[in-house]
C-alpha cells in the first residue's frame, strides 16, 4: 500500500491547518555509501516535513505522532502501549 502526497497531508491536517509540507522520496544515488540493508530500508519509505500554521496544532501532532507509521497499525498500537506503560512508572516524568 502506498500513500500519495495528498493522503499524507490529509493524515496530518487532522491536527490543524497546515502551513506547508515537504514530502520526499529518497533517491538511490544519495545513499550509495550505506550498507545494502540500510539503503533498501530507507528507499522503501517516504519522509514528510510538516509545518503547521499554529504552534498548538504542531505541538499536539508532535506529542501524538512522533514515531507513528502510517502503514503499520500494529507498530503504532505497540508503541502507544509501551508509552503508556512508561508513563505509569514512578520514575518516568513526562514534561
PDB file of N, CA and C in Angstrom:
ATOM      1  N   UNK A   1       0.839  -1.178   0.000  1.00  0.00           N
ATOM      2  CA  UNK A   1       0.000   0.000   0.000  1.00  0.00           C
ATOM      3  C   UNK A   1       0.886   1.244   0.000  1.00  0.00           C
ATOM      4  N   UNK A   2       0.572   2.188  -0.839  1.00  0.00           N
ATOM      5  CA  UNK A   2       1.352   3.408  -0.940  1.00  0.00           C
ATOM      6  C   UNK A   2       0.434   4.601  -0.700  1.00  0.00           C
ATOM      7  N   UNK A   3       0.975   5.599  -0.030  1.00  0.00           N
ATOM      8  CA  UNK A   3       0.206   6.799   0.256  1.00  0.00           C
ATOM      9  C   UNK A   3       0.671   7.922  -0.648  1.00  0.00           C
ATOM     10  N   UNK A   4      -0.268   8.638  -1.197  1.00  0.00           N
ATOM     11  CA  UNK A   4       0.057   9.791  -2.034  1.00  0.00           C
ATOM     12  C   UNK A   4       0.400  10.979  -1.143  1.00  0.00           C
ATOM     13  N   UNK A   5       0.940  12.007  -1.755  1.00  0.00           N
ATOM     14  CA  UNK A   5       1.224  13.238  -1.009  1.00  0.00           C
ATOM     15  C   UNK A   5      -0.059  13.768  -0.368  1.00  0.00           C
ATOM     16  N   UNK A   6      -1.169  13.676  -1.088  1.00  0.00           N
ATOM     17  CA  UNK A   6      -2.457  14.156  -0.573  1.00  0.00           C
ATOM     18  C   UNK A   6      -2.890  13.337   0.649  1.00  0.00           C
ATOM     19  N   UNK A   7      -2.674  12.017   0.622  1.00  0.00           N
ATOM     20  CA  UNK A   7      -3.005  11.174   1.769  1.00  0.00           C
ATOM     21  C   UNK A   7      -2.218  11.602   3.008  1.00  0.00           C
ATOM     22  N   UNK A   8      -0.946  11.893   2.819  1.00  0.00           N
ATOM     23  CA  UNK A   8      -0.097  12.306   3.940  1.00  0.00           C
ATOM     24  C   UNK A   8      -0.563  13.656   4.478  1.00  0.00           C
ATOM     25  N   UNK A   9      -0.870  14.587   3.594  1.00  0.00           N
ATOM     26  CA  UNK A   9      -1.368  15.892   4.027  1.00  0.00           C
ATOM     27  C   UNK A   9      -2.692  15.752   4.775  1.00  0.00           C
ATOM     28  N   UNK A  10      -3.583  14.909   4.280  1.00  0.00           N
ATOM     29  CA  UNK A  10      -4.860  14.684   4.961  1.00  0.00           C
ATOM     30  C   UNK A  10      -4.656  14.074   6.342  1.00  0.00           C
ATOM     31  N   UNK A  11      -3.745  13.131   6.454  1.00  0.00           N
ATOM     32  CA  UNK A  11      -3.462  12.481   7.734  1.00  0.00           C
ATOM     33  C   UNK A  11      -3.027  13.511   8.781  1.00  0.00           C
ATOM     34  N   UNK A  12      -2.078  14.369   8.415  1.00  0.00           N
ATOM     35  CA  UNK A  12      -1.543  15.332   9.385  1.00  0.00           C
ATOM     36  C   UNK A  12      -2.434  16.551   9.574  1.00  0.00           C
ATOM     37  N   UNK A  13      -3.282  16.875   8.627  1.00  0.00           N
ATOM     38  CA  UNK A  13      -4.168  18.028   8.790  1.00  0.00           C
ATOM     39  C   UNK A  13      -5.259  17.757   9.832  1.00  0.00           C
ATOM     40  N   UNK A  14      -5.387  16.526  10.264  1.00  0.00           N
ATOM     41  CA  UNK A  14      -6.333  16.204  11.343  1.00  0.00           C
ATOM     42  C   UNK A  14      -5.967  16.931  12.633  1.00  0.00           C
ATOM     43  N   UNK A  15      -4.719  17.371  12.759  1.00  0.00           N
ATOM     44  CA  UNK A  15      -4.268  18.065  13.973  1.00  0.00           C
ATOM     45  C   UNK A  15      -4.357  19.576  13.843  1.00  0.00           C
ATOM     46  N   UNK A  16      -4.660  20.068  12.653  1.00  0.00           N
ATOM     47  CA  UNK A  16      -4.812  21.505  12.452  1.00  0.00           C
ATOM     48  C   UNK A  16      -4.388  21.891  11.048  1.00  0.00           C
ATOM     49  N   UNK A  17      -4.652  23.156  10.684  1.00  0.00           N
ATOM     50  CA  UNK A  17      -4.317  23.624   9.337  1.00  0.00           C
ATOM     51  C   UNK A  17      -2.805  23.593   9.093  1.00  0.00           C
ATOM     52  N   UNK A  18      -2.442  23.108   7.913  1.00  0.00           N
ATOM     53  CA  UNK A  18      -1.036  23.023   7.555  1.00  0.00           C
ATOM     54  C   UNK A  18      -0.578  24.311   6.881  1.00  0.00           C
ATOM     55  N   UNK A  19       0.622  24.725   7.227  1.00  0.00           N
ATOM     56  CA  UNK A  19       1.216  25.873   6.556  1.00  0.00           C
ATOM     57  C   UNK A  19       1.918  25.429   5.289  1.00  0.00           C
ATOM     58  N   UNK A  20       2.713  24.374   5.409  1.00  0.00           N
ATOM     59  CA  UNK A  20       3.410  23.825   4.245  1.00  0.00           C
ATOM     60  C   UNK A  20       3.824  22.391   4.542  1.00  0.00           C
ATOM     61  N   UNK A  21       4.120  21.672   3.489  1.00  0.00           N
ATOM     62  CA  UNK A  21       4.615  20.304   3.625  1.00  0.00           C
ATOM     63  C   UNK A  21       5.723  20.073   2.617  1.00  0.00           C
ATOM     64  N   UNK A  22       6.643  19.214   2.981  1.00  0.00           N
ATOM     65  CA  UNK A  22       7.674  18.759   2.065  1.00  0.00           C
ATOM     66  C   UNK A  22       7.685  17.246   2.184  1.00  0.00           C
ATOM     67  N   UNK A  23       7.323  16.579   1.123  1.00  0.00           N
ATOM     68  CA  UNK A  23       7.271  15.123   1.110  1.00  0.00           C
ATOM     69  C   UNK A  23       8.327  14.651   0.133  1.00  0.00           C
ATOM     70  N   UNK A  24       9.194  13.786   0.618  1.00  0.00           N
ATOM     71  CA  UNK A  24      10.366  13.424  -0.166  1.00  0.00           C
ATOM     72  C   UNK A  24      10.494  11.913  -0.266  1.00  0.00           C
ATOM     73  N   UNK A  25      10.867  11.458  -1.424  1.00  0.00           N
ATOM     74  CA  UNK A  25      11.205  10.062  -1.651  1.00  0.00           C
ATOM     75  C   UNK A  25      12.724  10.011  -1.824  1.00  0.00           C
ATOM     76  N   UNK A  26      13.425   9.245  -1.001  1.00  0.00           N
ATOM     77  CA  UNK A  26      14.886   9.181  -1.141  1.00  0.00           C
ATOM     78  C   UNK A  26      15.298   8.649  -2.515  1.00  0.00           C
ATOM     79  N   UNK A  27      16.429   9.123  -2.982  1.00  0.00           N
ATOM     80  CA  UNK A  27      16.962   8.671  -4.262  1.00  0.00           C
ATOM     81  C   UNK A  27      18.152   7.740  -4.001  1.00  0.00           C
ATOM     82  N   UNK A  28      18.197   6.666  -4.751  1.00  0.00           N
ATOM     83  CA  UNK A  28      19.231   5.649  -4.519  1.00  0.00           C
ATOM     84  C   UNK A  28      20.641   6.218  -4.610  1.00  0.00           C
ATOM     85  N   UNK A  29      20.886   7.117  -5.542  1.00  0.00           N
ATOM     86  CA  UNK A  29      22.241   7.653  -5.703  1.00  0.00           C
ATOM     87  C   UNK A  29      22.682   8.496  -4.502  1.00  0.00           C
ATOM     88  N   UNK A  30      21.750   8.965  -3.680  1.00  0.00           N
ATOM     89  CA  UNK A  30      22.097   9.736  -2.477  1.00  0.00           C
ATOM     90  C   UNK A  30      22.541   8.818  -1.336  1.00  0.00           C
ATOM     91  N   UNK A  31      22.300   7.530  -1.483  1.00  0.00           N
ATOM     92  CA  UNK A  31      22.538   6.583  -0.401  1.00  0.00           C
ATOM     93  C   UNK A  31      23.628   5.576  -0.737  1.00  0.00           C
ATOM     94  N   UNK A  32      24.442   5.876  -1.698  1.00  0.00           N
ATOM     95  CA  UNK A  32      25.402   4.895  -2.214  1.00  0.00           C
ATOM     96  C   UNK A  32      26.414   4.418  -1.180  1.00  0.00           C
ATOM     97  N   UNK A  33      26.697   5.191  -0.156  1.00  0.00           N
ATOM     98  CA  UNK A  33      27.713   4.799   0.831  1.00  0.00           C
ATOM     99  C   UNK A  33      27.157   3.966   1.983  1.00  0.00           C
ATOM    100  N   UNK A  34      25.849   3.765   1.994  1.00  0.00           N
ATOM    101  CA  UNK A  34      25.233   2.978   3.069  1.00  0.00           C
ATOM    102  C   UNK A  34      25.279   1.488   2.748  1.00  0.00           C
ATOM    103  N   UNK A  35      25.284   0.653   3.807  1.00  0.00           N
ATOM    104  CA  UNK A  35      25.184  -0.799   3.569  1.00  0.00           C
ATOM    105  C   UNK A  35      23.864  -1.124   2.859  1.00  0.00           C
ATOM    106  N   UNK A  36      23.851  -2.207   2.092  1.00  0.00           N
ATOM    107  CA  UNK A  36      22.684  -2.576   1.295  1.00  0.00           C
ATOM    108  C   UNK A  36      21.402  -2.660   2.112  1.00  0.00           C
ATOM    109  N   UNK A  37      21.448  -3.277   3.300  1.00  0.00           N
ATOM    110  CA  UNK A  37      20.225  -3.439   4.095  1.00  0.00           C
ATOM    111  C   UNK A  37      19.664  -2.101   4.535  1.00  0.00           C
ATOM    112  N   UNK A  38      20.522  -1.180   4.948  1.00  0.00           N
ATOM    113  CA  UNK A  38      20.055   0.160   5.349  1.00  0.00           C
ATOM    114  C   UNK A  38      19.534   0.936   4.148  1.00  0.00           C
ATOM    115  N   UNK A  39      20.244   0.855   3.038  1.00  0.00           N
ATOM    116  CA  UNK A  39      19.824   1.574   1.831  1.00  0.00           C
ATOM    117  C   UNK A  39      18.448   1.086   1.376  1.00  0.00           C
ATOM    118  N   UNK A  40      18.247  -0.225   1.356  1.00  0.00           N
ATOM    119  CA  UNK A  40      16.949  -0.775   0.946  1.00  0.00           C
ATOM    120  C   UNK A  40      15.837  -0.365   1.894  1.00  0.00           C
ATOM    121  N   UNK A  41      16.132  -0.318   3.186  1.00  0.00           N
ATOM    122  CA  UNK A  41      15.124   0.098   4.167  1.00  0.00           C
ATOM    123  C   UNK A  41      14.726   1.557   3.949  1.00  0.00           C
ATOM    124  N   UNK A  42      15.674   2.409   3.724  1.00  0.00           N
ATOM    125  CA  UNK A  42      15.399   3.827   3.520  1.00  0.00           C
ATOM    126  C   UNK A  42      14.644   4.050   2.203  1.00  0.00           C
ATOM    127  N   UNK A  43      15.008   3.319   1.169  1.00  0.00           N
ATOM    128  CA  UNK A  43      14.383   3.516  -0.142  1.00  0.00           C
ATOM    129  C   UNK A  43      12.917   3.112  -0.169  1.00  0.00           C
ATOM    130  N   UNK A  44      12.459   2.372   0.812  1.00  0.00           N
ATOM    131  CA  UNK A  44      11.057   1.949   0.845  1.00  0.00           C
ATOM    132  C   UNK A  44      10.180   2.914   1.636  1.00  0.00           C
ATOM    133  N   UNK A  45      10.708   4.045   2.046  1.00  0.00           N
ATOM    134  CA  UNK A  45       9.950   4.999   2.866  1.00  0.00           C
ATOM    135  C   UNK A  45       9.948   6.392   2.246  1.00  0.00           C
ATOM    136  N   UNK A  46       8.836   7.062   2.402  1.00  0.00           N
ATOM    137  CA  UNK A  46       8.764   8.494   2.118  1.00  0.00           C
ATOM    138  C   UNK A  46       9.028   9.223   3.432  1.00  0.00           C
ATOM    139  N   UNK A  47       9.511  10.435   3.331  1.00  0.00           N
ATOM    140  CA  UNK A  47       9.724  11.269   4.504  1.00  0.00           C
ATOM    141  C   UNK A  47       8.909  12.542   4.327  1.00  0.00           C
ATOM    142  N   UNK A  48       8.269  12.985   5.394  1.00  0.00           N
ATOM    143  CA  UNK A  48       7.450  14.186   5.310  1.00  0.00           C
ATOM    144  C   UNK A  48       7.876  15.171   6.391  1.00  0.00           C
ATOM    145  N   UNK A  49       7.993  16.414   6.003  1.00  0.00           N
ATOM    146  CA  UNK A  49       8.237  17.506   6.934  1.00  0.00           C
ATOM    147  C   UNK A  49       6.989  18.377   6.892  1.00  0.00           C
ATOM    148  N   UNK A  50       6.363  18.540   8.042  1.00  0.00           N
ATOM    149  CA  UNK A  50       5.071  19.206   8.128  1.00  0.00           C
ATOM    150  C   UNK A  50       5.231  20.499   8.928  1.00  0.00           C
ATOM    151  N   UNK A  51       4.717  21.592   8.405  1.00  0.00           N
ATOM    152  CA  UNK A  51       4.715  22.868   9.108  1.00  0.00           C
ATOM    153  C   UNK A  51       3.257  23.287   9.325  1.00  0.00           C
ATOM    154  N   UNK A  52       2.900  23.492  10.579  1.00  0.00           N
ATOM    155  CA  UNK A  52       1.532  23.901  10.918  1.00  0.00           C
ATOM    156  C   UNK A  52       1.435  25.418  11.000  1.00  0.00           C
ATOM    157  N   UNK A  53       0.251  25.921  10.785  1.00  0.00           N
ATOM    158  CA  UNK A  53       0.013  27.358  10.892  1.00  0.00           C
ATOM    159  C   UNK A  53       0.011  27.815  12.343  1.00  0.00           C
ATOM    160  N   UNK A  54      -0.389  26.922  13.257  1.00  0.00           N
ATOM    161  CA  UNK A  54      -0.489  27.279  14.674  1.00  0.00           C
ATOM    162  C   UNK A  54       0.430  26.404  15.512  1.00  0.00           C
ATOM    163  N   UNK A  55       1.117  27.018  16.453  1.00  0.00           N
ATOM    164  CA  UNK A  55       2.038  26.283  17.312  1.00  0.00           C
ATOM    165  C   UNK A  55       1.327  25.175  18.084  1.00  0.00           C
ATOM    166  N   UNK A  56       0.153  25.456  18.624  1.00  0.00           N
ATOM    167  CA  UNK A  56      -0.562  24.451  19.418  1.00  0.00           C
ATOM    168  C   UNK A  56      -0.901  23.211  18.592  1.00  0.00           C
ATOM    169  N   UNK A  57      -1.235  23.403  17.337  1.00  0.00           N
ATOM    170  CA  UNK A  57      -1.521  22.268  16.457  1.00  0.00           C
ATOM    171  C   UNK A  57      -0.256  21.440  16.231  1.00  0.00           C
ATOM    172  N   UNK A  58       0.845  22.134  16.012  1.00  0.00           N
ATOM    173  CA  UNK A  58       2.121  21.435  15.809  1.00  0.00           C
ATOM    174  C   UNK A  58       2.505  20.660  17.067  1.00  0.00           C
ATOM    175  N   UNK A  59       2.341  21.277  18.206  1.00  0.00           N
ATOM    176  CA  UNK A  59       2.666  20.604  19.465  1.00  0.00           C
ATOM    177  C   UNK A  59       1.796  19.362  19.667  1.00  0.00           C
ATOM    178  N   UNK A  60       0.525  19.473  19.366  1.00  0.00           N
ATOM    179  CA  UNK A  60      -0.391  18.331  19.504  1.00  0.00           C
ATOM    180  C   UNK A  60       0.037  17.194  18.563  1.00  0.00           C
ATOM    181  N   UNK A  61       0.404  17.516  17.347  1.00  0.00           N
ATOM    182  CA  UNK A  61       0.835  16.495  16.387  1.00  0.00           C
ATOM    183  C   UNK A  61       2.142  15.839  16.833  1.00  0.00           C
ATOM    184  N   UNK A  62       3.075  16.640  17.298  1.00  0.00           N
ATOM    185  CA  UNK A  62       4.352  16.091  17.749  1.00  0.00           C
ATOM    186  C   UNK A  62       4.144  15.168  18.940  1.00  0.00           C
ATOM    187  N   UNK A  63       3.289  15.550  19.850  1.00  0.00           N
ATOM    188  CA  UNK A  63       3.031  14.711  21.020  1.00  0.00           C
ATOM    189  C   UNK A  63       2.247  13.458  20.675  1.00  0.00           C
ATOM    190  N   UNK A  64       1.491  13.498  19.608  1.00  0.00           N
ATOM    191  CA  UNK A  64       0.651  12.365  19.246  1.00  0.00           C
ATOM    192  C   UNK A  64       1.304  11.420  18.248  1.00  0.00           C
ATOM    193  N   UNK A  65       2.028  11.920  17.287  1.00  0.00           N
ATOM    194  CA  UNK A  65       2.538  11.058  16.221  1.00  0.00           C
ATOM    195  C   UNK A  65       4.044  11.171  15.962  1.00  0.00           C
ATOM    196  N   UNK A  66       4.886  11.274  16.989  1.00  0.00           N
ATOM    197  CA  UNK A  66       6.305  11.474  16.685  1.00  0.00           C
ATOM    198  C   UNK A  66       6.959  10.288  15.985  1.00  0.00           C
ATOM    199  N   UNK A  67       6.484   9.084  16.253  1.00  0.00           N
ATOM    200  CA  UNK A  67       7.126   7.909  15.668  1.00  0.00           C
ATOM    201  C   UNK A  67       6.136   6.980  14.977  1.00  0.00           C
ATOM    202  N   UNK A  68       4.929   7.434  14.768  1.00  0.00           N
ATOM    203  CA  UNK A  68       3.937   6.555  14.162  1.00  0.00           C
ATOM    204  C   UNK A  68       4.244   6.300  12.684  1.00  0.00           C
ATOM    205  N   UNK A  69       3.826   5.132  12.228  1.00  0.00           N
ATOM    206  CA  UNK A  69       3.976   4.765  10.834  1.00  0.00           C
ATOM    207  C   UNK A  69       2.581   4.679  10.232  1.00  0.00           C
ATOM    208  N   UNK A  70       2.355   5.379   9.150  1.00  0.00           N
ATOM    209  CA  UNK A  70       1.031   5.422   8.530  1.00  0.00           C
ATOM    210  C   UNK A  70       0.579   4.027   8.117  1.00  0.00           C
ATOM    211  N   UNK A  71       1.483   3.206   7.636  1.00  0.00           N
ATOM    212  CA  UNK A  71       1.095   1.911   7.097  1.00  0.00           C
ATOM    213  C   UNK A  71       1.118   0.772   8.104  1.00  0.00           C
ATOM    214  N   UNK A  72       1.605   0.960   9.306  1.00  0.00           N
ATOM    215  CA  UNK A  72       1.795  -0.162  10.227  1.00  0.00           C
ATOM    216  C   UNK A  72       1.031   0.064  11.527  1.00  0.00           C
ATOM    217  N   UNK A  73      -0.243  -0.310  11.521  1.00  0.00           N
ATOM    218  CA  UNK A  73      -1.099  -0.098  12.695  1.00  0.00           C
ATOM    219  C   UNK A  73      -0.635  -0.928  13.889  1.00  0.00           C
ATOM    220  N   UNK A  74      -0.105  -2.145  13.661  1.00  0.00           N
ATOM    221  CA  UNK A  74       0.378  -2.976  14.770  1.00  0.00           C
ATOM    222  C   UNK A  74       1.551  -2.306  15.476  1.00  0.00           C
ATOM    223  N   UNK A  75       2.456  -1.721  14.702  1.00  0.00           N
ATOM    224  CA  UNK A  75       3.579  -0.983  15.269  1.00  0.00           C
ATOM    225  C   UNK A  75       3.077   0.180  16.121  1.00  0.00           C
ATOM    226  N   UNK A  76       2.121   0.925  15.590  1.00  0.00           N
ATOM    227  CA  UNK A  76       1.575   2.072  16.307  1.00  0.00           C
ATOM    228  C   UNK A  76       0.918   1.653  17.615  1.00  0.00           C
ATOM    229  N   UNK A  77       0.156   0.578  17.582  1.00  0.00           N
ATOM    230  CA  UNK A  77      -0.522   0.088  18.783  1.00  0.00           C
ATOM    231  C   UNK A  77       0.498  -0.312  19.843  1.00  0.00           C
ATOM    232  N   UNK A  78       1.520  -1.023  19.426  1.00  0.00           N
ATOM    233  CA  UNK A  78       2.554  -1.452  20.372  1.00  0.00           C
ATOM    234  C   UNK A  78       3.317  -0.251  20.922  1.00  0.00           C
ATOM    235  N   UNK A  79       3.631   0.704  20.076  1.00  0.00           N
ATOM    236  CA  UNK A  79       4.335   1.902  20.524  1.00  0.00           C
ATOM    237  C   UNK A  79       3.508   2.662  21.558  1.00  0.00           C
ATOM    238  N   UNK A  80       2.215   2.810  21.316  1.00  0.00           N
ATOM    239  CA  UNK A  80       1.346   3.502  22.274  1.00  0.00           C
ATOM    240  C   UNK A  80       1.239   2.724  23.581  1.00  0.00           C
ATOM    241  N   UNK A  81       1.217   1.390  23.522  1.00  0.00           N
ATOM    242  CA  UNK A  81       1.164   0.561  24.724  1.00  0.00           C
ATOM    243  C   UNK A  81       2.427   0.758  25.567  1.00  0.00           C
ATOM    244  N   UNK A  82       3.571   0.760  24.918  1.00  0.00           N
ATOM    245  CA  UNK A  82       4.838   0.955  25.632  1.00  0.00           C
ATOM    246  C   UNK A  82       4.903   2.355  26.229  1.00  0.00           C
ATOM    247  N   UNK A  83       4.447   3.360  25.499  1.00  0.00           N
ATOM    248  CA  UNK A  83       4.454   4.735  26.012  1.00  0.00           C
ATOM    249  C   UNK A  83       3.581   4.855  27.260  1.00  0.00           C
ATOM    250  N   UNK A  84       2.412   4.253  27.244  1.00  0.00           N
ATOM    251  CA  UNK A  84       1.523   4.294  28.415  1.00  0.00           C
ATOM    252  C   UNK A  84       2.140   3.551  29.594  1.00  0.00           C
ATOM    253  N   UNK A  85       2.790   2.438  29.318  1.00  0.00           N
ATOM    254  CA  UNK A  85       3.466   1.681  30.370  1.00  0.00           C
ATOM    255  C   UNK A  85       4.571   2.519  31.010  1.00  0.00           C
ATOM    256  N   UNK A  86       5.346   3.192  30.186  1.00  0.00           N
ATOM    257  CA  UNK A  86       6.408   4.048  30.716  1.00  0.00           C
ATOM    258  C   UNK A  86       5.843   5.200  31.544  1.00  0.00           C
ATOM    259  N   UNK A  87       4.762   5.794  31.082  1.00  0.00           N
ATOM    260  CA  UNK A  87       4.158   6.906  31.821  1.00  0.00           C
ATOM    261  C   UNK A  87       3.644   6.468  33.178  1.00  0.00           C
ATOM    262  N   UNK A  88       3.310   5.199  33.322  1.00  0.00           N
ATOM    263  CA  UNK A  88       2.787   4.706  34.595  1.00  0.00           C
ATOM    264  C   UNK A  88       3.892   4.413  35.605  1.00  0.00           C
ATOM    265  N   UNK A  89       5.139   4.462  35.171  1.00  0.00           N
ATOM    266  CA  UNK A  89       6.261   4.187  36.066  1.00  0.00           C
ATOM    267  C   UNK A  89       6.558   5.424  36.911  1.00  0.00           C
ATOM    268  N   UNK A  90       6.765   5.236  38.224  1.00  0.00           N
ATOM    269  CA  UNK A  90       7.001   6.402  39.104  1.00  0.00           C
ATOM    270  C   UNK A  90       8.233   7.212  38.730  1.00  0.00           C
ATOM    271  N   UNK A  91       9.262   6.559  38.185  1.00  0.00           N
ATOM    272  CA  UNK A  91      10.482   7.290  37.860  1.00  0.00           C
ATOM    273  C   UNK A  91      10.413   8.033  36.533  1.00  0.00           C
ATOM    274  N   UNK A  92       9.346   7.832  35.772  1.00  0.00           N
ATOM    275  CA  UNK A  92       9.168   8.498  34.493  1.00  0.00           C
ATOM    276  C   UNK A  92       8.438   9.811  34.726  1.00  0.00           C
ATOM    277  N   UNK A  93       9.013  10.891  34.275  1.00  0.00           N
ATOM    278  CA  UNK A  93       8.374  12.186  34.429  1.00  0.00           C
ATOM    279  C   UNK A  93       8.194  12.814  33.058  1.00  0.00           C
ATOM    280  N   UNK A  94       6.981  12.802  32.551  1.00  0.00           N
ATOM    281  CA  UNK A  94       6.698  13.412  31.245  1.00  0.00           C
ATOM    282  C   UNK A  94       6.595  14.915  31.402  1.00  0.00           C
ATOM    283  N   UNK A  95       7.190  15.633  30.466  1.00  0.00           N
ATOM    284  CA  UNK A  95       7.113  17.097  30.521  1.00  0.00           C
ATOM    285  C   UNK A  95       6.349  17.627  29.369  1.00  0.00           C
TER     286      UNK A  95
END
